[in-house]
N, C-alpha and C. Protein backbone atom coordinates (compact mmCIF):
# COMPACT_ATOMS: atom_id res chain seq x y z
N UNK A 1 -72.92 -63.82 -151.52
CA UNK A 1 -74.03 -62.25 -152.20
C UNK A 1 -73.07 -61.76 -152.14
N UNK A 2 -73.43 -60.79 -153.45
CA UNK A 2 -72.70 -59.66 -153.97
C UNK A 2 -73.19 -58.54 -153.29
N UNK A 3 -71.73 -57.14 -153.13
CA UNK A 3 -71.52 -56.48 -151.91
C UNK A 3 -73.30 -55.39 -153.11
N UNK A 4 -73.37 -55.15 -154.36
CA UNK A 4 -74.07 -54.45 -154.69
C UNK A 4 -74.92 -55.77 -155.89
N UNK A 5 -76.73 -55.34 -156.17
CA UNK A 5 -76.95 -56.22 -157.09
C UNK A 5 -77.50 -55.11 -158.09
N UNK A 6 -77.74 -55.20 -159.32
CA UNK A 6 -78.78 -54.23 -160.40
C UNK A 6 -80.40 -54.32 -160.01
N UNK A 7 -80.81 -53.63 -160.16
CA UNK A 7 -82.08 -53.50 -159.80
C UNK A 7 -82.79 -52.77 -160.92
N UNK A 8 -84.43 -53.34 -161.42
CA UNK A 8 -84.92 -52.43 -162.66
C UNK A 8 -86.25 -51.85 -161.95
N UNK A 9 -85.86 -51.39 -160.87
CA UNK A 9 -86.42 -50.05 -159.69
C UNK A 9 -85.95 -49.33 -161.00
N UNK A 10 -86.44 -47.58 -160.76
CA UNK A 10 -86.11 -46.77 -160.68
C UNK A 10 -86.89 -45.78 -160.26
N UNK A 11 -85.95 -44.66 -160.37
CA UNK A 11 -86.32 -42.69 -159.53
C UNK A 11 -87.23 -42.02 -160.01
N UNK A 12 -88.05 -43.17 -161.05
CA UNK A 12 -89.15 -42.03 -162.38
C UNK A 12 -89.91 -41.35 -160.98
N UNK A 13 -90.15 -42.22 -159.63
CA UNK A 13 -91.33 -41.14 -158.68
C UNK A 13 -90.78 -39.47 -158.61
N UNK A 14 -89.32 -39.40 -158.69
CA UNK A 14 -89.01 -38.15 -158.30
C UNK A 14 -89.11 -37.09 -159.06
N UNK A 15 -89.90 -36.83 -159.93
CA UNK A 15 -89.96 -36.03 -160.63
C UNK A 15 -90.05 -34.66 -160.70
N UNK A 16 -90.36 -34.38 -158.82
CA UNK A 16 -89.96 -33.24 -158.39
C UNK A 16 -88.93 -32.85 -158.24
N UNK A 17 -87.83 -34.08 -157.88
CA UNK A 17 -85.79 -33.74 -157.63
C UNK A 17 -84.99 -33.21 -159.17
N UNK A 18 -84.69 -31.99 -158.92
CA UNK A 18 -84.02 -31.88 -159.75
C UNK A 18 -82.14 -32.11 -159.72
N UNK A 19 -82.53 -32.75 -160.86
CA UNK A 19 -80.68 -33.40 -161.19
C UNK A 19 -79.43 -32.39 -161.45
N UNK A 20 -79.94 -31.79 -162.14
CA UNK A 20 -78.89 -30.54 -162.46
C UNK A 20 -78.81 -29.60 -161.77
N UNK A 21 -79.07 -29.31 -161.16
CA UNK A 21 -79.10 -28.10 -159.96
C UNK A 21 -80.32 -28.55 -158.45
N UNK A 22 -79.29 -29.18 -157.56
CA UNK A 22 -80.79 -29.58 -156.31
C UNK A 22 -81.49 -28.53 -155.99
N UNK A 23 -80.85 -27.48 -155.25
CA UNK A 23 -81.17 -26.22 -154.72
C UNK A 23 -82.61 -25.93 -155.44
N UNK A 24 -82.97 -26.21 -156.81
CA UNK A 24 -83.92 -26.17 -157.86
C UNK A 24 -85.25 -26.70 -157.66
N UNK A 25 -85.05 -28.10 -156.55
CA UNK A 25 -86.02 -29.43 -156.59
C UNK A 25 -87.16 -28.43 -156.00
N UNK A 26 -88.41 -28.95 -156.76
CA UNK A 26 -89.52 -28.76 -155.82
C UNK A 26 -89.54 -29.43 -154.32
N UNK A 27 -89.32 -29.12 -153.31
CA UNK A 27 -89.21 -29.88 -152.83
C UNK A 27 -88.18 -28.68 -151.39
N UNK A 28 -88.35 -29.96 -150.12
CA UNK A 28 -87.09 -29.52 -148.71
C UNK A 28 -86.05 -30.18 -148.59
N UNK A 29 -85.30 -29.13 -148.15
CA UNK A 29 -83.93 -29.49 -148.14
C UNK A 29 -83.23 -29.56 -146.77
N UNK A 30 -82.63 -29.86 -146.09
CA UNK A 30 -81.76 -30.49 -144.35
C UNK A 30 -80.59 -31.43 -144.77
N UNK A 31 -79.36 -30.74 -143.72
CA UNK A 31 -78.28 -31.32 -143.98
C UNK A 31 -77.93 -31.43 -142.50
N UNK A 32 -78.11 -32.77 -142.44
CA UNK A 32 -76.82 -33.36 -140.92
C UNK A 32 -76.08 -33.87 -140.75
N UNK A 33 -75.42 -32.79 -139.99
CA UNK A 33 -73.97 -32.95 -139.98
C UNK A 33 -73.14 -33.47 -138.30
N UNK A 34 -72.23 -34.55 -138.22
CA UNK A 34 -71.43 -35.06 -137.39
C UNK A 34 -71.25 -34.14 -136.22
N UNK A 35 -71.38 -34.75 -134.66
CA UNK A 35 -70.95 -34.04 -133.52
C UNK A 35 -69.85 -32.60 -133.77
N UNK A 36 -70.32 -31.45 -134.07
CA UNK A 36 -69.03 -30.07 -133.70
C UNK A 36 -67.55 -30.80 -133.57
N UNK A 37 -67.36 -30.51 -132.19
CA UNK A 37 -66.26 -30.56 -131.91
C UNK A 37 -65.79 -32.24 -132.01
N UNK A 38 -66.30 -32.97 -132.73
CA UNK A 38 -65.10 -34.61 -133.04
C UNK A 38 -64.62 -34.66 -134.18
N UNK A 39 -63.45 -35.27 -133.86
CA UNK A 39 -62.58 -35.66 -134.84
C UNK A 39 -63.42 -36.38 -135.55
N UNK A 40 -63.86 -35.96 -137.19
CA UNK A 40 -64.50 -36.26 -137.95
C UNK A 40 -63.93 -37.47 -138.68
N UNK A 41 -64.44 -38.82 -138.69
CA UNK A 41 -63.96 -40.01 -139.94
C UNK A 41 -65.01 -40.53 -140.78
N UNK A 42 -64.85 -41.70 -141.70
CA UNK A 42 -66.15 -42.54 -142.51
C UNK A 42 -66.25 -43.23 -141.46
N UNK A 43 -66.22 -43.63 -140.70
CA UNK A 43 -66.37 -44.55 -139.82
C UNK A 43 -67.61 -43.84 -138.91
N UNK A 44 -67.24 -42.50 -139.04
CA UNK A 44 -68.17 -41.68 -137.75
C UNK A 44 -69.79 -41.54 -139.09
N UNK A 45 -69.28 -41.48 -139.86
CA UNK A 45 -70.37 -40.36 -140.91
C UNK A 45 -71.03 -42.08 -141.27
N UNK A 46 -70.47 -43.12 -141.34
CA UNK A 46 -71.40 -44.32 -141.64
C UNK A 46 -71.85 -44.87 -140.03
N UNK A 47 -71.89 -44.48 -139.02
CA UNK A 47 -72.43 -44.82 -137.82
C UNK A 47 -73.77 -43.66 -137.70
N UNK A 48 -73.57 -42.09 -138.72
CA UNK A 48 -74.74 -41.22 -139.07
C UNK A 48 -75.88 -41.97 -139.63
N UNK A 49 -75.38 -42.72 -140.61
CA UNK A 49 -75.92 -43.43 -141.93
C UNK A 49 -76.87 -44.60 -140.62
N UNK A 50 -76.56 -45.03 -139.95
CA UNK A 50 -76.92 -46.62 -139.26
C UNK A 50 -77.64 -45.82 -138.54
N UNK A 51 -77.59 -45.06 -137.81
CA UNK A 51 -78.35 -44.47 -137.01
C UNK A 51 -79.75 -43.88 -137.39
N UNK A 52 -79.80 -43.24 -138.81
CA UNK A 52 -80.42 -42.25 -139.33
C UNK A 52 -81.57 -43.44 -140.52
N UNK A 53 -81.01 -44.51 -141.45
CA UNK A 53 -81.83 -45.41 -141.72
C UNK A 53 -81.40 -46.53 -141.89
N UNK A 54 -80.92 -47.38 -140.61
CA UNK A 54 -81.01 -48.90 -141.20
C UNK A 54 -82.17 -49.51 -140.53
N UNK A 55 -83.09 -49.05 -140.47
CA UNK A 55 -84.55 -50.06 -139.97
C UNK A 55 -85.23 -49.85 -141.84
N UNK A 56 -84.52 -48.97 -142.38
CA UNK A 56 -85.17 -48.82 -143.81
C UNK A 56 -83.90 -48.83 -144.71
N UNK A 57 -82.89 -49.69 -145.16
CA UNK A 57 -82.13 -49.97 -145.52
C UNK A 57 -82.79 -51.07 -146.47
N UNK A 58 -83.92 -51.96 -146.57
CA UNK A 58 -83.35 -52.43 -147.55
C UNK A 58 -84.80 -51.98 -148.60
N UNK A 59 -85.40 -51.26 -148.17
CA UNK A 59 -86.31 -49.57 -149.12
C UNK A 59 -85.41 -49.62 -150.12
N UNK A 60 -84.04 -48.84 -149.65
CA UNK A 60 -83.40 -48.28 -150.59
C UNK A 60 -82.59 -48.28 -152.28
N UNK A 61 -82.74 -47.79 -153.08
CA UNK A 61 -82.15 -47.81 -154.08
C UNK A 61 -81.54 -46.85 -154.02
N UNK A 62 -79.84 -46.83 -155.02
CA UNK A 62 -79.14 -46.47 -155.32
C UNK A 62 -78.72 -46.10 -157.10
N UNK A 63 -78.90 -44.81 -156.95
CA UNK A 63 -78.30 -44.30 -158.72
C UNK A 63 -77.33 -43.47 -158.36
N UNK A 64 -76.67 -42.50 -159.96
CA UNK A 64 -75.88 -42.09 -160.08
C UNK A 64 -75.90 -40.83 -159.38
N UNK A 65 -75.52 -39.93 -159.33
CA UNK A 65 -75.93 -37.82 -159.39
C UNK A 65 -76.75 -37.67 -159.81
N UNK A 66 -76.28 -38.63 -161.00
CA UNK A 66 -77.36 -37.51 -162.74
C UNK A 66 -78.06 -38.95 -162.69
N UNK A 67 -79.08 -39.76 -163.13
CA UNK A 67 -79.30 -40.50 -164.05
C UNK A 67 -78.81 -40.81 -165.42
N UNK A 68 -77.95 -41.58 -165.68
CA UNK A 68 -77.97 -42.44 -166.67
C UNK A 68 -76.69 -42.07 -167.11
N UNK A 69 -75.94 -41.90 -165.53
CA UNK A 69 -74.77 -41.64 -166.06
C UNK A 69 -73.56 -43.09 -165.60
N UNK A 70 -72.65 -43.24 -165.73
CA UNK A 70 -72.55 -44.83 -166.21
C UNK A 70 -71.70 -44.88 -163.95
N UNK A 71 -71.55 -45.91 -163.63
CA UNK A 71 -71.19 -46.22 -162.58
C UNK A 71 -69.90 -46.27 -162.70
N UNK A 72 -68.82 -46.37 -163.62
CA UNK A 72 -67.70 -46.89 -163.66
C UNK A 72 -67.49 -45.35 -163.54
N UNK A 73 -67.76 -44.10 -163.81
CA UNK A 73 -67.20 -43.09 -163.88
C UNK A 73 -67.21 -42.31 -162.65
N UNK A 74 -67.63 -42.93 -161.49
CA UNK A 74 -68.24 -42.28 -160.44
C UNK A 74 -66.95 -41.39 -159.82
N UNK A 75 -65.49 -41.63 -160.08
CA UNK A 75 -64.12 -41.56 -159.25
C UNK A 75 -63.73 -40.75 -160.88
N UNK A 76 -63.43 -39.41 -160.58
CA UNK A 76 -62.47 -38.26 -161.61
C UNK A 76 -61.79 -39.04 -162.24
N UNK A 77 -60.57 -39.70 -161.73
CA UNK A 77 -59.49 -40.31 -162.47
C UNK A 77 -59.68 -41.30 -163.72
N UNK A 78 -61.29 -41.73 -163.61
CA UNK A 78 -61.18 -42.79 -164.68
C UNK A 78 -61.54 -41.64 -165.47
N UNK A 79 -62.30 -40.02 -166.15
CA UNK A 79 -61.93 -39.51 -167.41
C UNK A 79 -59.95 -39.03 -167.45
N UNK A 80 -60.89 -39.47 -169.12
CA UNK A 80 -59.26 -39.43 -169.37
C UNK A 80 -59.64 -37.71 -170.72
N UNK A 81 -58.82 -37.19 -170.15
CA UNK A 81 -59.07 -35.50 -170.97
C UNK A 81 -58.75 -36.28 -172.61
N UNK A 82 -57.48 -36.30 -172.76
CA UNK A 82 -57.19 -36.64 -174.26
C UNK A 82 -58.20 -37.45 -174.84
N UNK A 83 -58.85 -38.39 -174.58
CA UNK A 83 -59.42 -39.16 -175.32
C UNK A 83 -61.48 -38.40 -175.14
N UNK A 84 -61.31 -38.05 -174.25
CA UNK A 84 -62.45 -37.88 -173.53
C UNK A 84 -64.06 -38.78 -173.79
N UNK A 85 -62.80 -39.80 -172.97
CA UNK A 85 -63.24 -41.02 -172.19
C UNK A 85 -63.51 -41.60 -171.03
N UNK A 86 -63.99 -42.61 -170.66
CA UNK A 86 -63.24 -43.15 -169.75
C UNK A 86 -62.05 -44.03 -169.62
N UNK A 87 -61.27 -44.61 -169.12
CA UNK A 87 -60.12 -44.78 -169.17
C UNK A 87 -60.46 -45.85 -167.48
N UNK A 88 -60.37 -47.42 -167.71
CA UNK A 88 -60.53 -47.87 -166.65
C UNK A 88 -59.08 -48.92 -166.30
N UNK A 89 -57.40 -48.08 -167.07
CA UNK A 89 -56.51 -48.67 -166.70
C UNK A 89 -56.02 -48.70 -165.64
N UNK A 90 -55.97 -49.76 -164.56
CA UNK A 90 -55.79 -49.41 -163.04
C UNK A 90 -54.28 -48.89 -162.44
N UNK A 91 -53.63 -49.10 -163.35
CA UNK A 91 -51.98 -49.01 -163.49
C UNK A 91 -51.81 -47.56 -163.56
N UNK A 92 -53.26 -46.24 -164.18
CA UNK A 92 -52.91 -44.97 -163.96
C UNK A 92 -54.49 -44.47 -163.37
N UNK A 93 -54.26 -44.91 -162.08
CA UNK A 93 -55.38 -44.46 -161.05
C UNK A 93 -55.12 -44.84 -159.43
N UNK A 94 -55.83 -43.49 -159.33
CA UNK A 94 -55.74 -43.95 -157.16
C UNK A 94 -56.18 -45.15 -157.04
N UNK A 95 -55.66 -45.32 -155.26
CA UNK A 95 -56.30 -46.94 -154.74
C UNK A 95 -57.17 -46.47 -154.26
N UNK A 96 -58.15 -44.96 -154.31
CA UNK A 96 -59.28 -45.13 -154.00
C UNK A 96 -60.46 -45.64 -154.72
N UNK A 97 -59.89 -44.88 -155.59
CA UNK A 97 -60.46 -45.04 -157.37
C UNK A 97 -60.38 -47.09 -157.87
N UNK A 98 -59.46 -47.80 -157.65
CA UNK A 98 -59.27 -48.84 -157.38
C UNK A 98 -60.23 -49.89 -156.63
N UNK A 99 -60.68 -49.34 -155.47
CA UNK A 99 -61.01 -49.46 -154.21
C UNK A 99 -62.58 -49.84 -154.68
N UNK A 100 -62.81 -49.04 -155.42
CA UNK A 100 -64.38 -48.42 -156.10
C UNK A 100 -65.00 -49.77 -157.28
N UNK A 101 -63.66 -49.34 -158.52
CA UNK A 101 -64.07 -50.54 -159.59
C UNK A 101 -64.22 -51.90 -159.43
N UNK A 102 -63.11 -52.19 -157.88
CA UNK A 102 -63.33 -53.69 -157.46
C UNK A 102 -64.18 -54.35 -157.04
N UNK A 103 -64.95 -53.10 -156.16
CA UNK A 103 -66.65 -52.93 -155.67
C UNK A 103 -67.32 -53.76 -156.80
N UNK A 104 -67.13 -52.72 -157.60
CA UNK A 104 -68.06 -53.04 -159.09
C UNK A 104 -67.61 -54.02 -159.76
N UNK A 105 -66.77 -54.87 -159.50
CA UNK A 105 -66.36 -56.01 -160.27
C UNK A 105 -66.87 -57.09 -159.33
N UNK A 106 -66.11 -56.49 -158.08
CA UNK A 106 -66.75 -58.06 -156.90
C UNK A 106 -68.69 -58.40 -157.42
N UNK A 107 -69.41 -57.25 -157.79
CA UNK A 107 -70.57 -56.81 -157.74
C UNK A 107 -71.47 -57.40 -159.40
N UNK A 108 -69.96 -57.94 -159.92
CA UNK A 108 -70.75 -58.17 -161.31
C UNK A 108 -71.21 -56.83 -161.74
N UNK A 109 -71.10 -55.65 -161.29
CA UNK A 109 -71.58 -54.72 -161.93
C UNK A 109 -70.54 -54.26 -163.16
N UNK A 110 -71.04 -53.85 -164.70
CA UNK A 110 -70.12 -53.13 -165.25
C UNK A 110 -70.16 -51.70 -165.09
N UNK A 111 -68.68 -51.44 -165.65
CA UNK A 111 -68.48 -50.56 -165.86
C UNK A 111 -69.08 -49.21 -166.19
N UNK A 112 -69.84 -49.76 -167.22
CA UNK A 112 -70.66 -48.05 -168.13
C UNK A 112 -72.25 -48.47 -167.73
N UNK A 113 -72.42 -49.67 -166.97
CA UNK A 113 -73.99 -49.58 -166.44
C UNK A 113 -74.29 -48.51 -165.32
N UNK A 114 -75.65 -47.94 -166.09
CA UNK A 114 -76.33 -46.64 -166.26
C UNK A 114 -77.66 -47.11 -165.14
N UNK A 115 -77.43 -48.32 -164.44
CA UNK A 115 -79.34 -48.63 -163.85
C UNK A 115 -78.91 -48.16 -162.17
N UNK A 116 -80.04 -48.66 -161.62
CA UNK A 116 -79.57 -48.79 -160.43
C UNK A 116 -79.04 -49.81 -159.94
N UNK A 117 -79.18 -49.78 -158.29
CA UNK A 117 -79.11 -51.25 -157.58
C UNK A 117 -79.47 -51.35 -156.22
N UNK A 118 -79.06 -51.91 -155.77
CA UNK A 118 -79.63 -52.25 -153.95
C UNK A 118 -77.99 -52.90 -153.95
N UNK A 119 -78.61 -52.42 -152.65
CA UNK A 119 -76.74 -52.84 -151.61
C UNK A 119 -77.38 -53.78 -151.22
N UNK A 120 -76.58 -55.00 -150.76
CA UNK A 120 -76.35 -56.32 -149.96
C UNK A 120 -75.17 -56.55 -148.93
N UNK A 121 -74.64 -55.13 -148.96
CA UNK A 121 -72.99 -54.62 -147.80
C UNK A 121 -72.92 -53.77 -147.53
N UNK A 122 -73.43 -52.64 -147.22
CA UNK A 122 -73.66 -51.58 -146.83
C UNK A 122 -72.39 -50.97 -146.13
N UNK A 123 -72.09 -51.79 -145.21
CA UNK A 123 -70.29 -51.44 -144.14
C UNK A 123 -69.59 -51.00 -145.58
N UNK A 124 -69.18 -52.24 -146.18
CA UNK A 124 -67.83 -52.28 -147.15
C UNK A 124 -68.61 -50.97 -148.29
N UNK A 125 -69.74 -51.04 -148.63
CA UNK A 125 -69.95 -50.00 -149.72
C UNK A 125 -70.35 -49.07 -149.93
N UNK A 126 -70.03 -48.07 -148.76
CA UNK A 126 -70.49 -47.26 -147.83
C UNK A 126 -68.78 -46.33 -147.23
N UNK A 127 -68.27 -47.16 -147.46
CA UNK A 127 -66.65 -47.65 -146.49
C UNK A 127 -66.09 -46.95 -147.77
N UNK A 128 -66.13 -47.75 -148.82
CA UNK A 128 -65.47 -47.59 -150.28
C UNK A 128 -66.16 -46.29 -150.95
N UNK A 129 -67.28 -45.61 -151.10
CA UNK A 129 -67.58 -44.62 -151.50
C UNK A 129 -67.76 -43.17 -150.72
N UNK A 130 -67.66 -43.10 -149.51
CA UNK A 130 -66.87 -42.24 -148.15
C UNK A 130 -65.82 -41.43 -148.82
N UNK A 131 -65.14 -43.39 -148.92
CA UNK A 131 -63.42 -43.08 -148.91
C UNK A 131 -63.23 -41.91 -150.10
N UNK A 132 -63.94 -42.37 -151.54
CA UNK A 132 -64.11 -41.15 -152.74
C UNK A 132 -64.22 -40.14 -152.72
N UNK A 133 -65.37 -39.77 -151.72
CA UNK A 133 -66.27 -38.60 -151.35
C UNK A 133 -64.95 -38.36 -150.71
N UNK A 134 -64.53 -38.35 -149.40
CA UNK A 134 -64.21 -36.89 -148.46
C UNK A 134 -63.01 -36.56 -149.08
N UNK A 135 -62.11 -37.76 -149.66
CA UNK A 135 -60.74 -37.90 -150.67
C UNK A 135 -61.31 -36.73 -151.89
N UNK A 136 -62.74 -36.58 -152.28
CA UNK A 136 -62.01 -36.09 -153.49
C UNK A 136 -61.99 -36.54 -154.96
N UNK A 137 -62.14 -37.66 -154.91
CA UNK A 137 -61.61 -38.59 -156.00
C UNK A 137 -62.69 -38.89 -157.10
N UNK A 138 -64.41 -38.81 -156.25
CA UNK A 138 -65.10 -38.63 -156.55
C UNK A 138 -66.26 -37.06 -156.65
N UNK A 139 -66.88 -36.57 -157.41
CA UNK A 139 -67.28 -35.36 -157.15
C UNK A 139 -68.59 -34.86 -156.39
N UNK A 140 -68.89 -36.55 -156.33
CA UNK A 140 -70.43 -36.24 -156.40
C UNK A 140 -70.35 -37.65 -155.56
N UNK A 141 -71.53 -37.79 -154.74
CA UNK A 141 -72.14 -38.75 -154.23
C UNK A 141 -73.51 -39.60 -154.51
N UNK A 142 -73.32 -40.72 -154.94
CA UNK A 142 -74.37 -41.59 -155.54
C UNK A 142 -75.88 -41.07 -154.55
N UNK A 143 -76.84 -40.68 -155.44
CA UNK A 143 -78.25 -40.77 -154.92
C UNK A 143 -78.68 -42.06 -154.15
N UNK A 144 -78.99 -42.10 -152.93
CA UNK A 144 -80.05 -42.68 -151.99
C UNK A 144 -81.67 -42.49 -152.31
N UNK A 145 -82.36 -43.60 -152.78
CA UNK A 145 -83.75 -43.04 -152.89
C UNK A 145 -84.37 -44.35 -151.99
N UNK A 146 -85.18 -43.35 -151.44
CA UNK A 146 -86.59 -44.30 -150.68
C UNK A 146 -87.78 -43.90 -151.26
N UNK A 147 -88.34 -44.56 -151.91
CA UNK A 147 -89.07 -44.39 -153.21
C UNK A 147 -90.84 -44.61 -152.39
N UNK A 148 -90.88 -45.02 -151.12
CA UNK A 148 -92.25 -45.58 -150.70
C UNK A 148 -92.40 -44.22 -149.66
N UNK A 149 -91.39 -43.73 -148.97
CA UNK A 149 -90.91 -42.38 -148.21
C UNK A 149 -90.93 -41.14 -148.84
N UNK A 150 -90.27 -41.30 -150.15
CA UNK A 150 -90.63 -40.39 -151.46
C UNK A 150 -89.62 -38.95 -150.82
N UNK A 151 -87.90 -39.97 -150.47
CA UNK A 151 -86.97 -39.32 -150.00
C UNK A 151 -86.22 -39.39 -150.83
N UNK A 152 -84.59 -38.73 -151.17
CA UNK A 152 -83.68 -38.91 -151.65
C UNK A 152 -82.11 -38.95 -150.72
N UNK A 153 -81.53 -39.11 -150.43
CA UNK A 153 -80.13 -38.47 -149.52
C UNK A 153 -79.05 -38.74 -150.01
N UNK A 154 -78.48 -38.02 -149.95
CA UNK A 154 -76.33 -37.94 -150.51
C UNK A 154 -75.78 -37.83 -150.03
N UNK A 155 -74.32 -38.26 -149.63
CA UNK A 155 -73.18 -37.75 -148.86
C UNK A 155 -72.56 -36.69 -148.94
N UNK A 156 -72.10 -35.94 -148.23
CA UNK A 156 -71.28 -34.35 -148.92
C UNK A 156 -69.54 -34.64 -148.14
N UNK A 157 -68.99 -34.21 -149.09
CA UNK A 157 -67.53 -34.20 -148.49
C UNK A 157 -66.92 -33.48 -147.33
N UNK A 158 -67.88 -32.68 -146.66
CA UNK A 158 -68.10 -32.00 -145.37
C UNK A 158 -68.18 -32.54 -144.13
N UNK A 159 -68.93 -34.37 -144.29
CA UNK A 159 -69.21 -35.27 -143.15
C UNK A 159 -70.49 -35.03 -142.92
N UNK A 160 -71.52 -34.34 -143.88
CA UNK A 160 -72.66 -34.30 -143.78
C UNK A 160 -73.46 -35.43 -144.73
N UNK A 161 -74.55 -35.44 -144.39
CA UNK A 161 -75.61 -36.45 -145.59
C UNK A 161 -77.19 -35.38 -145.70
N UNK A 162 -76.82 -34.55 -147.12
CA UNK A 162 -78.33 -33.83 -147.45
C UNK A 162 -79.33 -34.75 -147.65
N UNK A 163 -80.30 -34.13 -147.37
CA UNK A 163 -81.97 -34.66 -147.14
C UNK A 163 -82.53 -34.09 -148.55
N UNK A 164 -83.06 -34.53 -148.60
CA UNK A 164 -84.41 -34.15 -150.40
C UNK A 164 -85.59 -34.73 -149.57
N UNK A 165 -86.83 -33.95 -149.39
CA UNK A 165 -88.15 -34.64 -149.91
C UNK A 165 -89.45 -33.41 -149.83
N UNK A 166 -90.27 -34.36 -150.77
CA UNK A 166 -91.53 -33.51 -151.31
C UNK A 166 -92.05 -32.98 -149.71
N UNK A 167 -92.33 -33.39 -149.60
CA UNK A 167 -93.39 -33.28 -148.32
C UNK A 167 -93.15 -33.88 -146.77
N UNK A 168 -93.20 -33.44 -146.19
CA UNK A 168 -92.85 -33.35 -144.67
C UNK A 168 -93.85 -35.04 -144.32
N UNK A 169 -93.35 -35.92 -144.36
CA UNK A 169 -94.29 -37.42 -143.77
C UNK A 169 -93.79 -37.81 -142.22
N UNK A 170 -94.08 -39.00 -141.94
CA UNK A 170 -94.03 -39.99 -141.00
C UNK A 170 -92.20 -40.21 -141.20
N UNK A 171 -91.98 -40.61 -142.13
CA UNK A 171 -90.78 -41.36 -143.04
C UNK A 171 -89.33 -40.30 -141.70
N UNK A 172 -89.69 -38.73 -142.68
CA UNK A 172 -88.76 -37.29 -142.99
C UNK A 172 -88.70 -37.22 -141.05
N UNK A 173 -90.41 -37.46 -140.00
CA UNK A 173 -89.90 -37.19 -138.44
C UNK A 173 -89.34 -38.14 -138.25
N UNK A 174 -89.66 -39.33 -138.73
CA UNK A 174 -88.72 -40.18 -137.69
C UNK A 174 -86.80 -39.75 -137.59
N UNK A 175 -86.69 -39.26 -138.93
CA UNK A 175 -85.06 -39.01 -139.73
C UNK A 175 -84.73 -37.40 -138.40
N UNK A 176 -85.73 -36.79 -138.26
CA UNK A 176 -85.53 -35.54 -137.14
C UNK A 176 -85.99 -35.82 -135.82
N UNK A 177 -86.01 -36.83 -135.52
CA UNK A 177 -86.45 -37.52 -134.32
C UNK A 177 -84.95 -38.07 -133.72
N UNK A 178 -84.67 -38.59 -134.83
CA UNK A 178 -82.87 -39.96 -134.18
C UNK A 178 -82.10 -38.33 -134.73
N UNK A 179 -82.23 -37.53 -134.96
CA UNK A 179 -81.00 -35.55 -135.20
C UNK A 179 -81.42 -35.55 -133.87
N UNK A 180 -82.08 -35.53 -133.44
CA UNK A 180 -82.38 -34.88 -132.15
C UNK A 180 -81.67 -35.90 -130.57
N UNK A 181 -82.30 -37.30 -130.47
CA UNK A 181 -82.16 -37.74 -129.98
C UNK A 181 -80.41 -38.02 -129.68
N UNK A 182 -79.71 -38.01 -130.93
CA UNK A 182 -78.85 -38.74 -131.12
C UNK A 182 -77.89 -37.24 -131.38
N UNK A 183 -77.95 -36.10 -131.01
CA UNK A 183 -77.72 -34.94 -131.12
C UNK A 183 -76.93 -34.54 -132.24
N UNK A 184 -76.78 -34.79 -133.22
CA UNK A 184 -76.41 -34.49 -135.20
C UNK A 184 -76.70 -33.01 -135.02
N UNK A 185 -76.16 -32.69 -135.93
CA UNK A 185 -76.43 -30.75 -135.83
C UNK A 185 -77.22 -30.71 -137.13
N UNK A 186 -77.97 -29.68 -137.49
CA UNK A 186 -78.72 -29.96 -138.38
C UNK A 186 -79.08 -28.20 -139.00
N UNK A 187 -79.21 -28.28 -140.06
CA UNK A 187 -78.64 -26.58 -140.46
C UNK A 187 -79.85 -27.38 -142.20
């Protein structure tokens, strides 16, 4: 099975979310941070994801930070300033970007794909994209949608997960309960 798979599902239910400027969304937001007095790592951020979303992973679809962006352009060093287009010459890319592009190749996702995906190997996918986000090779996280529970979330280079939701519901309450139970910082 491939790490990612294309899906025909989309985020049209999220007309309340402002992709151009997240704070202008017609909803609510909070951020969850790793424990403050610990050394932070990608492994711990993956563990936070597992604590919060392990029971709903099969409900999550993934899209780029702006609807219609190419999956291959996730990392900034693919952009060729002179030609004003993406350049996927591996000899000119960072190892983090190469890892990400190999993830797409392994998943049979074309670099110019603009749709949504489902994940079948969360550990591998998160390790790769978080490496790009934390190292600042990717300017923004993909957006993770839980359509049935009406929320989205994303990762931030500050080792946090931001969550936007239209209105309080049982799924959001469950996430907040997990946050309290596990002592993660809420802001």
